[in-house]
Amino acid sequence: MDEKLYIFILSDSIGETAEQVAKAAAAQFKGINYVLKRYAYISDKDQLENIIDEASKLKSIIIFTTVIEDLKETIIIECEKNNLQYVDIMSQLLISFHNVLGNEPVHVPGTMRKLDERYFRRVAAIEFAVKYDDGKDSRGIKKADIVLIGVSRTSKTPLSMYLAHKNIKVANVPLVPEAPLPQELFEIPSKRIMGLTANPMKLNEIRQERLKALGLSNNASYANLDRILEELDYAEEIMKKIGCPVIDVSNKAVEESASIIMEIMRENGLI
């Protein structure tokens, strides 16, 4: 018989957890000569029986992390039939959690990985929103799931961050009459652009508060009503030229505006 120790990792998901546990255990034995054989995404009993039959011909240990009951029972039955050592990593943990929480586990393979993937997508979307905020880099326009355009203080940045937490990659571009528009805005489908507008009096109020917070005079042109009207007219012209949907954010919470944007995205097949 081969003198190597063969460690068979069986999982209905990727099998990473069982492999790490096996390596940690093996590291406790000096001079051990072992081979890891990992079988991921196992879904049927015949496959299990073939693997365990192979293991029975070698010096081996079976380590598994399946949460599907039928597969777990098959592994245990086949291992005991072939007099093989086996370690069920998940069952005792699930029983302990059940005893403390009082509710049943979902028995769905790969749940943690799915959660991890969602988490990392969210982090990537947040980093994207920061990188391509306020027109910092127009290259983000073509990479974004959606692009928000509007004059200053129409909630572009708060909306970008809120949508990022929904795993949506958002770039936003300020519309300023004196600033040239990024050409990329005219090179993507208009359905991926969302125009934001607001009541001029509301904008005037918000901008005055902003100036006050910065310790600046509220007489600055930034909060001048005529200037605001000029900016809104310019923004309306650009939005009509692009042909994008427009949302009035005047009296809406960020959550409400985001909900409208996501509904439009769903209608347009973007999410």
C-alpha atoms as a PDB file:
ATOM      1  CA  MET A   1       0.000   0.000   0.000  1.00  0.00           C
ATOM      2  CA  ASP A   2       1.151   3.567  -0.781  1.00  0.00           C
ATOM      3  CA  GLU A   3       2.754   5.021   2.373  1.00  0.00           C
ATOM      4  CA  LYS A   4       1.529   8.550   1.687  1.00  0.00           C
ATOM      5  CA  LEU A   5      -1.513   9.733   3.587  1.00  0.00           C
ATOM      6  CA  TYR A   6      -4.289  10.691   1.190  1.00  0.00           C
ATOM      7  CA  ILE A   7      -6.686  13.318   2.519  1.00  0.00           C
ATOM      8  CA  PHE A   8      -9.930  13.335   0.559  1.00  0.00           C
ATOM      9  CA  ILE A   9     -11.832  16.626   0.820  1.00  0.00           C
ATOM     10  CA  LEU A  10     -15.495  16.281  -0.157  1.00  0.00           C
ATOM     11  CA  SER A  11     -17.862  19.236  -0.404  1.00  0.00           C
ATOM     12  CA  ASP A  12     -21.142  20.288  -1.968  1.00  0.00           C
ATOM     13  CA  SER A  13     -19.566  23.757  -2.259  1.00  0.00           C
ATOM     14  CA  ILE A  14     -15.955  24.731  -2.989  1.00  0.00           C
ATOM     15  CA  GLY A  15     -14.374  22.750  -0.128  1.00  0.00           C
ATOM     16  CA  GLU A  16     -12.050  25.517   1.028  1.00  0.00           C
ATOM     17  CA  THR A  17     -13.026  25.224   4.699  1.00  0.00           C
ATOM     18  CA  ALA A  18     -12.300  21.493   4.909  1.00  0.00           C
ATOM     19  CA  GLU A  19      -8.975  21.920   3.097  1.00  0.00           C
ATOM     20  CA  GLN A  20      -7.795  24.589   5.559  1.00  0.00           C
ATOM     21  CA  VAL A  21      -8.791  22.428   8.529  1.00  0.00           C
ATOM     22  CA  ALA A  22      -6.971  19.415   7.023  1.00  0.00           C
ATOM     23  CA  LYS A  23      -3.791  21.431   6.454  1.00  0.00           C
ATOM     24  CA  ALA A  24      -3.904  22.805   9.992  1.00  0.00           C
ATOM     25  CA  ALA A  25      -4.232  19.280  11.407  1.00  0.00           C
ATOM     26  CA  ALA A  26      -1.496  17.846   9.153  1.00  0.00           C
ATOM     27  CA  ALA A  27       0.889  20.603  10.275  1.00  0.00           C
ATOM     28  CA  GLN A  28       0.771  19.121  13.790  1.00  0.00           C
ATOM     29  CA  PHE A  29       2.522  15.929  12.618  1.00  0.00           C
ATOM     30  CA  LYS A  30       6.246  16.187  11.870  1.00  0.00           C
ATOM     31  CA  GLY A  31       7.494  14.670   8.636  1.00  0.00           C
ATOM     32  CA  ILE A  32       4.014  13.797   7.379  1.00  0.00           C
ATOM     33  CA  ASN A  33       3.875  12.983   3.674  1.00  0.00           C
ATOM     34  CA  TYR A  34       0.365  13.655   2.460  1.00  0.00           C
ATOM     35  CA  VAL A  35      -1.625  14.347  -0.696  1.00  0.00           C
ATOM     36  CA  LEU A  36      -4.778  16.450  -0.719  1.00  0.00           C
ATOM     37  CA  LYS A  37      -7.479  15.400  -3.144  1.00  0.00           C
ATOM     38  CA  ARG A  38     -10.288  17.947  -3.203  1.00  0.00           C
ATOM     39  CA  TYR A  39     -13.656  17.199  -4.795  1.00  0.00           C
ATOM     40  CA  ALA A  40     -15.858  20.292  -4.954  1.00  0.00           C
ATOM     41  CA  TYR A  41     -19.532  20.773  -5.852  1.00  0.00           C
ATOM     42  CA  ILE A  42     -20.433  17.118  -5.357  1.00  0.00           C
ATOM     43  CA  SER A  43     -24.095  16.625  -6.201  1.00  0.00           C
ATOM     44  CA  ASP A  44     -24.844  12.926  -6.549  1.00  0.00           C
ATOM     45  CA  LYS A  45     -24.392   9.679  -4.626  1.00  0.00           C
ATOM     46  CA  ASP A  46     -22.746   7.742  -7.478  1.00  0.00           C
ATOM     47  CA  GLN A  47     -19.920  10.259  -7.580  1.00  0.00           C
ATOM     48  CA  LEU A  48     -19.445   9.891  -3.820  1.00  0.00           C
ATOM     49  CA  GLU A  49     -19.389   6.095  -3.982  1.00  0.00           C
ATOM     50  CA  ASN A  50     -16.693   6.179  -6.683  1.00  0.00           C
ATOM     51  CA  ILE A  51     -14.524   8.595  -4.685  1.00  0.00           C
ATOM     52  CA  ILE A  52     -14.840   6.598  -1.477  1.00  0.00           C
ATOM     53  CA  ASP A  53     -14.092   3.386  -3.358  1.00  0.00           C
ATOM     54  CA  GLU A  54     -10.858   5.001  -4.561  1.00  0.00           C
ATOM     55  CA  ALA A  55     -10.060   6.144  -0.999  1.00  0.00           C
ATOM     56  CA  SER A  56     -10.586   2.619   0.346  1.00  0.00           C
ATOM     57  CA  LYS A  57      -7.595   1.393  -1.698  1.00  0.00           C
ATOM     58  CA  LEU A  58      -5.271   3.965  -0.080  1.00  0.00           C
ATOM     59  CA  LYS A  59      -4.148   5.031   3.385  1.00  0.00           C
ATOM     60  CA  SER A  60      -6.730   7.799   3.632  1.00  0.00           C
ATOM     61  CA  ILE A  61      -8.957  10.075   5.676  1.00  0.00           C
ATOM     62  CA  ILE A  62     -12.229  11.535   4.421  1.00  0.00           C
ATOM     63  CA  ILE A  63     -13.014  15.107   5.493  1.00  0.00           C
ATOM     64  CA  PHE A  64     -16.285  16.606   4.342  1.00  0.00           C
ATOM     65  CA  THR A  65     -18.365  19.765   4.612  1.00  0.00           C
ATOM     66  CA  THR A  66     -21.664  18.924   2.990  1.00  0.00           C
ATOM     67  CA  VAL A  67     -24.895  20.428   4.311  1.00  0.00           C
ATOM     68  CA  ILE A  68     -27.116  18.334   2.034  1.00  0.00           C
ATOM     69  CA  GLU A  69     -28.436  15.541   4.275  1.00  0.00           C
ATOM     70  CA  ASP A  70     -28.642  12.796   1.601  1.00  0.00           C
ATOM     71  CA  LEU A  71     -25.029  13.349   0.568  1.00  0.00           C
ATOM     72  CA  LYS A  72     -23.832  13.425   4.176  1.00  0.00           C
ATOM     73  CA  GLU A  73     -25.593  10.134   4.941  1.00  0.00           C
ATOM     74  CA  THR A  74     -24.079   8.513   1.843  1.00  0.00           C
ATOM     75  CA  ILE A  75     -20.558   9.588   2.863  1.00  0.00           C
ATOM     76  CA  ILE A  76     -20.987   8.194   6.380  1.00  0.00           C
ATOM     77  CA  ILE A  77     -22.512   4.899   5.188  1.00  0.00           C
ATOM     78  CA  GLU A  78     -19.825   4.343   2.538  1.00  0.00           C
ATOM     79  CA  CYS A  79     -16.982   5.264   4.901  1.00  0.00           C
ATOM     80  CA  GLU A  80     -18.217   2.886   7.594  1.00  0.00           C
ATOM     81  CA  LYS A  81     -18.766   0.137   5.006  1.00  0.00           C
ATOM     82  CA  ASN A  82     -15.143   0.542   3.883  1.00  0.00           C
ATOM     83  CA  ASN A  83     -13.745   1.008   7.397  1.00  0.00           C
ATOM     84  CA  LEU A  84     -12.472   4.509   6.568  1.00  0.00           C
ATOM     85  CA  GLN A  85     -11.772   7.307   9.048  1.00  0.00           C
ATOM     86  CA  TYR A  86     -13.973  10.318   8.347  1.00  0.00           C
ATOM     87  CA  VAL A  87     -14.524  13.776   9.809  1.00  0.00           C
ATOM     88  CA  ASP A  88     -17.836  15.615   9.435  1.00  0.00           C
ATOM     89  CA  ILE A  89     -16.830  19.239   9.999  1.00  0.00           C
ATOM     90  CA  MET A  90     -20.234  20.908   9.733  1.00  0.00           C
ATOM     91  CA  SER A  91     -22.745  18.717  11.575  1.00  0.00           C
ATOM     92  CA  GLN A  92     -21.687  19.328  15.175  1.00  0.00           C
ATOM     93  CA  LEU A  93     -21.399  23.065  14.513  1.00  0.00           C
ATOM     94  CA  LEU A  94     -24.877  23.171  12.988  1.00  0.00           C
ATOM     95  CA  ILE A  95     -26.296  21.232  15.955  1.00  0.00           C
ATOM     96  CA  SER A  96     -24.647  23.642  18.423  1.00  0.00           C
ATOM     97  CA  PHE A  97     -25.951  26.688  16.559  1.00  0.00           C
ATOM     98  CA  HIS A  98     -29.415  25.117  16.427  1.00  0.00           C
ATOM     99  CA  ASN A  99     -29.349  24.420  20.167  1.00  0.00           C
ATOM    100  CA  VAL A 100     -28.487  28.039  20.953  1.00  0.00           C
ATOM    101  CA  LEU A 101     -30.628  29.781  18.314  1.00  0.00           C
ATOM    102  CA  GLY A 102     -33.588  27.431  18.297  1.00  0.00           C
ATOM    103  CA  ASN A 103     -34.149  27.564  14.542  1.00  0.00           C
ATOM    104  CA  GLU A 104     -33.167  25.185  11.750  1.00  0.00           C
ATOM    105  CA  PRO A 105     -30.212  25.697   9.364  1.00  0.00           C
ATOM    106  CA  VAL A 106     -31.113  26.348   5.709  1.00  0.00           C
ATOM    107  CA  HIS A 107     -28.966  23.452   4.401  1.00  0.00           C
ATOM    108  CA  VAL A 108     -27.964  25.428   1.310  1.00  0.00           C
ATOM    109  CA  PRO A 109     -24.436  24.772  -0.045  1.00  0.00           C
ATOM    110  CA  GLY A 110     -22.060  27.716  -0.535  1.00  0.00           C
ATOM    111  CA  THR A 111     -24.120  30.182   1.529  1.00  0.00           C
ATOM    112  CA  MET A 112     -21.050  31.815   3.096  1.00  0.00           C
ATOM    113  CA  ARG A 113     -19.348  32.216  -0.277  1.00  0.00           C
ATOM    114  CA  LYS A 114     -22.469  33.857  -1.689  1.00  0.00           C
ATOM    115  CA  LEU A 115     -22.498  36.276   1.247  1.00  0.00           C
ATOM    116  CA  ASP A 116     -18.788  36.976   0.760  1.00  0.00           C
ATOM    117  CA  GLU A 117     -19.267  37.622  -2.951  1.00  0.00           C
ATOM    118  CA  ARG A 118     -22.082  40.090  -2.240  1.00  0.00           C
ATOM    119  CA  TYR A 119     -19.905  41.828   0.345  1.00  0.00           C
ATOM    120  CA  PHE A 120     -16.957  42.208  -2.025  1.00  0.00           C
ATOM    121  CA  ARG A 121     -19.223  43.439  -4.848  1.00  0.00           C
ATOM    122  CA  ARG A 122     -20.560  46.076  -2.457  1.00  0.00           C
ATOM    123  CA  VAL A 123     -17.059  47.167  -1.450  1.00  0.00           C
ATOM    124  CA  ALA A 124     -16.068  47.401  -5.127  1.00  0.00           C
ATOM    125  CA  ALA A 125     -19.166  49.503  -5.874  1.00  0.00           C
ATOM    126  CA  ILE A 126     -18.404  51.880  -2.973  1.00  0.00           C
ATOM    127  CA  GLU A 127     -14.789  52.274  -4.093  1.00  0.00           C
ATOM    128  CA  PHE A 128     -16.062  52.922  -7.617  1.00  0.00           C
ATOM    129  CA  ALA A 129     -18.459  55.638  -6.401  1.00  0.00           C
ATOM    130  CA  VAL A 130     -15.631  57.392  -4.530  1.00  0.00           C
ATOM    131  CA  LYS A 131     -13.222  57.155  -7.462  1.00  0.00           C
ATOM    132  CA  TYR A 132     -15.669  58.489 -10.027  1.00  0.00           C
ATOM    133  CA  ASP A 133     -17.457  61.053  -7.853  1.00  0.00           C
ATOM    134  CA  ASP A 134     -18.121  64.580  -9.130  1.00  0.00           C
ATOM    135  CA  GLY A 135     -16.636  63.987 -12.575  1.00  0.00           C
ATOM    136  CA  LYS A 136     -13.130  63.317 -11.208  1.00  0.00           C
ATOM    137  CA  ASP A 137     -12.353  60.829 -13.977  1.00  0.00           C
ATOM    138  CA  SER A 138     -14.570  60.631 -17.051  1.00  0.00           C
ATOM    139  CA  ARG A 139     -13.324  57.110 -17.824  1.00  0.00           C
ATOM    140  CA  GLY A 140     -15.701  55.877 -15.129  1.00  0.00           C
ATOM    141  CA  ILE A 141     -18.691  56.854 -17.278  1.00  0.00           C
ATOM    142  CA  LYS A 142     -18.267  53.869 -19.588  1.00  0.00           C
ATOM    143  CA  LYS A 143     -17.574  51.473 -16.701  1.00  0.00           C
ATOM    144  CA  ALA A 144     -20.550  52.529 -14.580  1.00  0.00           C
ATOM    145  CA  ASP A 145     -23.865  50.696 -14.304  1.00  0.00           C
ATOM    146  CA  ILE A 146     -25.467  54.130 -14.202  1.00  0.00           C
ATOM    147  CA  VAL A 147     -24.319  57.753 -14.430  1.00  0.00           C
ATOM    148  CA  LEU A 148     -25.994  60.556 -12.483  1.00  0.00           C
ATOM    149  CA  ILE A 149     -25.892  64.067 -13.926  1.00  0.00           C
ATOM    150  CA  GLY A 150     -27.173  67.303 -12.443  1.00  0.00           C
ATOM    151  CA  VAL A 151     -26.233  70.709 -11.096  1.00  0.00           C
ATOM    152  CA  SER A 152     -24.537  71.103  -7.744  1.00  0.00           C
ATOM    153  CA  ARG A 153     -26.517  70.017  -4.635  1.00  0.00           C
ATOM    154  CA  THR A 154     -28.942  67.676  -6.409  1.00  0.00           C
ATOM    155  CA  SER A 155     -27.845  64.730  -4.224  1.00  0.00           C
ATOM    156  CA  LYS A 156     -25.528  63.140  -6.794  1.00  0.00           C
ATOM    157  CA  THR A 157     -22.929  61.991  -4.265  1.00  0.00           C
ATOM    158  CA  PRO A 158     -25.346  60.737  -1.552  1.00  0.00           C
ATOM    159  CA  LEU A 159     -27.292  58.844  -4.207  1.00  0.00           C
ATOM    160  CA  SER A 160     -24.102  57.361  -5.654  1.00  0.00           C
ATOM    161  CA  MET A 161     -23.092  56.060  -2.236  1.00  0.00           C
ATOM    162  CA  TYR A 162     -26.569  54.766  -1.394  1.00  0.00           C
ATOM    163  CA  LEU A 163     -26.794  52.887  -4.706  1.00  0.00           C
ATOM    164  CA  ALA A 164     -23.267  51.551  -4.194  1.00  0.00           C
ATOM    165  CA  HIS A 165     -24.541  49.826  -1.046  1.00  0.00           C
ATOM    166  CA  LYS A 166     -27.010  48.092  -3.366  1.00  0.00           C
ATOM    167  CA  ASN A 167     -24.037  46.794  -5.421  1.00  0.00           C
ATOM    168  CA  ILE A 168     -24.627  49.309  -8.223  1.00  0.00           C
ATOM    169  CA  LYS A 169     -21.563  51.029  -9.704  1.00  0.00           C
ATOM    170  CA  VAL A 170     -22.357  54.725 -10.086  1.00  0.00           C
ATOM    171  CA  ALA A 171     -20.390  57.600 -11.584  1.00  0.00           C
ATOM    172  CA  ASN A 172     -21.683  61.140 -11.285  1.00  0.00           C
ATOM    173  CA  VAL A 173     -20.990  64.238 -13.347  1.00  0.00           C
ATOM    174  CA  PRO A 174     -21.754  67.849 -12.362  1.00  0.00           C
ATOM    175  CA  LEU A 175     -23.393  70.027 -14.990  1.00  0.00           C
ATOM    176  CA  VAL A 176     -21.790  73.474 -15.030  1.00  0.00           C
ATOM    177  CA  PRO A 177     -22.410  75.868 -17.965  1.00  0.00           C
ATOM    178  CA  GLU A 178     -18.747  76.896 -18.128  1.00  0.00           C
ATOM    179  CA  ALA A 179     -17.306  73.366 -17.918  1.00  0.00           C
ATOM    180  CA  PRO A 180     -17.024  71.166 -21.018  1.00  0.00           C
ATOM    181  CA  LEU A 181     -19.036  67.961 -20.897  1.00  0.00           C
ATOM    182  CA  PRO A 182     -17.195  64.628 -21.020  1.00  0.00           C
ATOM    183  CA  GLN A 183     -17.583  63.129 -24.498  1.00  0.00           C
ATOM    184  CA  GLU A 184     -18.238  59.758 -22.868  1.00  0.00           C
ATOM    185  CA  LEU A 185     -21.729  60.943 -21.880  1.00  0.00           C
ATOM    186  CA  PHE A 186     -22.693  60.791 -25.547  1.00  0.00           C
ATOM    187  CA  GLU A 187     -21.035  57.422 -26.137  1.00  0.00           C
ATOM    188  CA  ILE A 188     -23.144  55.294 -23.780  1.00  0.00           C
ATOM    189  CA  PRO A 189     -26.871  54.408 -24.011  1.00  0.00           C
ATOM    190  CA  SER A 190     -29.094  57.156 -22.615  1.00  0.00           C
ATOM    191  CA  LYS A 191     -30.872  54.584 -20.426  1.00  0.00           C
ATOM    192  CA  ARG A 192     -27.661  54.334 -18.380  1.00  0.00           C
ATOM    193  CA  ILE A 193     -27.817  58.045 -17.561  1.00  0.00           C
ATOM    194  CA  MET A 194     -30.121  59.581 -14.960  1.00  0.00           C
ATOM    195  CA  GLY A 195     -30.727  63.316 -14.794  1.00  0.00           C
ATOM    196  CA  LEU A 196     -31.319  64.940 -11.411  1.00  0.00           C
ATOM    197  CA  THR A 197     -33.044  68.276 -11.030  1.00  0.00           C
ATOM    198  CA  ALA A 198     -34.585  70.328  -8.216  1.00  0.00           C
ATOM    199  CA  ASN A 199     -36.812  73.295  -7.487  1.00  0.00           C
ATOM    200  CA  PRO A 200     -34.711  76.518  -7.809  1.00  0.00           C
ATOM    201  CA  MET A 201     -35.946  77.902  -4.469  1.00  0.00           C
ATOM    202  CA  LYS A 202     -35.047  74.658  -2.727  1.00  0.00           C
ATOM    203  CA  LEU A 203     -31.599  74.690  -4.358  1.00  0.00           C
ATOM    204  CA  ASN A 204     -31.132  78.286  -3.289  1.00  0.00           C
ATOM    205  CA  GLU A 205     -31.918  77.334   0.297  1.00  0.00           C
ATOM    206  CA  ILE A 206     -29.600  74.290   0.251  1.00  0.00           C
ATOM    207  CA  ARG A 207     -26.720  76.236  -1.300  1.00  0.00           C
ATOM    208  CA  GLN A 208     -27.031  79.056   1.201  1.00  0.00           C
ATOM    209  CA  GLU A 209     -26.820  76.505   4.019  1.00  0.00           C
ATOM    210  CA  ARG A 210     -23.780  74.993   2.343  1.00  0.00           C
ATOM    211  CA  LEU A 211     -22.028  78.361   2.143  1.00  0.00           C
ATOM    212  CA  LYS A 212     -22.857  79.054   5.783  1.00  0.00           C
ATOM    213  CA  ALA A 213     -21.383  75.673   6.789  1.00  0.00           C
ATOM    214  CA  LEU A 214     -18.192  76.587   4.942  1.00  0.00           C
ATOM    215  CA  GLY A 215     -18.059  79.995   6.612  1.00  0.00           C
ATOM    216  CA  LEU A 216     -18.562  81.841   3.322  1.00  0.00           C
ATOM    217  CA  SER A 217     -20.818  84.756   2.452  1.00  0.00           C
ATOM    218  CA  ASN A 218     -24.247  83.782   1.176  1.00  0.00           C
ATOM    219  CA  ASN A 219     -23.934  86.543  -1.412  1.00  0.00           C
ATOM    220  CA  ALA A 220     -21.690  84.318  -3.548  1.00  0.00           C
ATOM    221  CA  SER A 221     -22.974  83.638  -7.066  1.00  0.00           C
ATOM    222  CA  TYR A 222     -23.176  79.919  -6.143  1.00  0.00           C
ATOM    223  CA  ALA A 223     -26.359  80.631  -4.153  1.00  0.00           C
ATOM    224  CA  ASN A 224     -27.657  83.426  -6.394  1.00  0.00           C
ATOM    225  CA  LEU A 225     -31.134  82.600  -7.686  1.00  0.00           C
ATOM    226  CA  ASP A 226     -30.452  83.937 -11.211  1.00  0.00           C
ATOM    227  CA  ARG A 227     -27.327  81.792 -11.385  1.00  0.00           C
ATOM    228  CA  ILE A 228     -29.265  78.740 -10.197  1.00  0.00           C
ATOM    229  CA  LEU A 229     -31.930  79.301 -12.864  1.00  0.00           C
ATOM    230  CA  GLU A 230     -29.203  79.589 -15.502  1.00  0.00           C
ATOM    231  CA  GLU A 231     -27.659  76.289 -14.356  1.00  0.00           C
ATOM    232  CA  LEU A 232     -31.024  74.514 -14.313  1.00  0.00           C
ATOM    233  CA  ASP A 233     -31.848  75.717 -17.835  1.00  0.00           C
ATOM    234  CA  TYR A 234     -28.459  74.481 -19.028  1.00  0.00           C
ATOM    235  CA  ALA A 235     -28.936  71.120 -17.288  1.00  0.00           C
ATOM    236  CA  GLU A 236     -32.413  70.694 -18.792  1.00  0.00           C
ATOM    237  CA  GLU A 237     -31.006  71.364 -22.265  1.00  0.00           C
ATOM    238  CA  ILE A 238     -28.269  68.751 -21.780  1.00  0.00           C
ATOM    239  CA  MET A 239     -30.689  66.146 -20.415  1.00  0.00           C
ATOM    240  CA  LYS A 240     -33.038  66.666 -23.389  1.00  0.00           C
ATOM    241  CA  LYS A 241     -30.104  66.344 -25.779  1.00  0.00           C
ATOM    242  CA  ILE A 242     -29.036  63.058 -24.140  1.00  0.00           C
ATOM    243  CA  GLY A 243     -32.634  61.827 -23.860  1.00  0.00           C
ATOM    244  CA  CYS A 244     -32.251  60.436 -20.345  1.00  0.00           C
ATOM    245  CA  PRO A 245     -34.894  60.054 -17.621  1.00  0.00           C
ATOM    246  CA  VAL A 246     -35.061  62.983 -15.176  1.00  0.00           C
ATOM    247  CA  ILE A 247     -35.977  62.906 -11.469  1.00  0.00           C
ATOM    248  CA  ASP A 248     -36.914  65.947  -9.410  1.00  0.00           C
ATOM    249  CA  VAL A 249     -35.212  65.365  -6.054  1.00  0.00           C
ATOM    250  CA  SER A 250     -36.533  68.557  -4.388  1.00  0.00           C
ATOM    251  CA  ASN A 251     -38.597  67.030  -1.620  1.00  0.00           C
ATOM    252  CA  LYS A 252     -37.384  63.455  -1.750  1.00  0.00           C
ATOM    253  CA  ALA A 253     -35.239  61.553   0.712  1.00  0.00           C
ATOM    254  CA  VAL A 254     -32.183  59.853  -0.786  1.00  0.00           C
ATOM    255  CA  GLU A 255     -33.859  56.465  -0.249  1.00  0.00           C
ATOM    256  CA  GLU A 256     -36.935  57.573  -2.237  1.00  0.00           C
ATOM    257  CA  SER A 257     -34.890  58.916  -5.155  1.00  0.00           C
ATOM    258  CA  ALA A 258     -32.747  55.760  -5.159  1.00  0.00           C
ATOM    259  CA  SER A 259     -35.874  53.606  -5.233  1.00  0.00           C
ATOM    260  CA  ILE A 260     -37.124  55.476  -8.319  1.00  0.00           C
ATOM    261  CA  ILE A 261     -33.722  55.104 -10.032  1.00  0.00           C
ATOM    262  CA  MET A 262     -33.615  51.381  -9.321  1.00  0.00           C
ATOM    263  CA  GLU A 263     -37.147  50.921 -10.634  1.00  0.00           C
ATOM    264  CA  ILE A 264     -36.191  52.683 -13.882  1.00  0.00           C
ATOM    265  CA  MET A 265     -33.055  50.525 -14.090  1.00  0.00           C
ATOM    266  CA  ARG A 266     -35.169  47.390 -13.677  1.00  0.00           C
ATOM    267  CA  GLU A 267     -37.543  48.555 -16.411  1.00  0.00           C
ATOM    268  CA  ASN A 268     -34.538  49.124 -18.691  1.00  0.00           C
ATOM    269  CA  GLY A 269     -33.006  45.733 -17.900  1.00  0.00           C
ATOM    270  CA  LEU A 270     -29.976  47.206 -16.111  1.00  0.00           C
ATOM    271  CA  ILE A 271     -30.464  45.248 -12.873  1.00  0.00           C
END
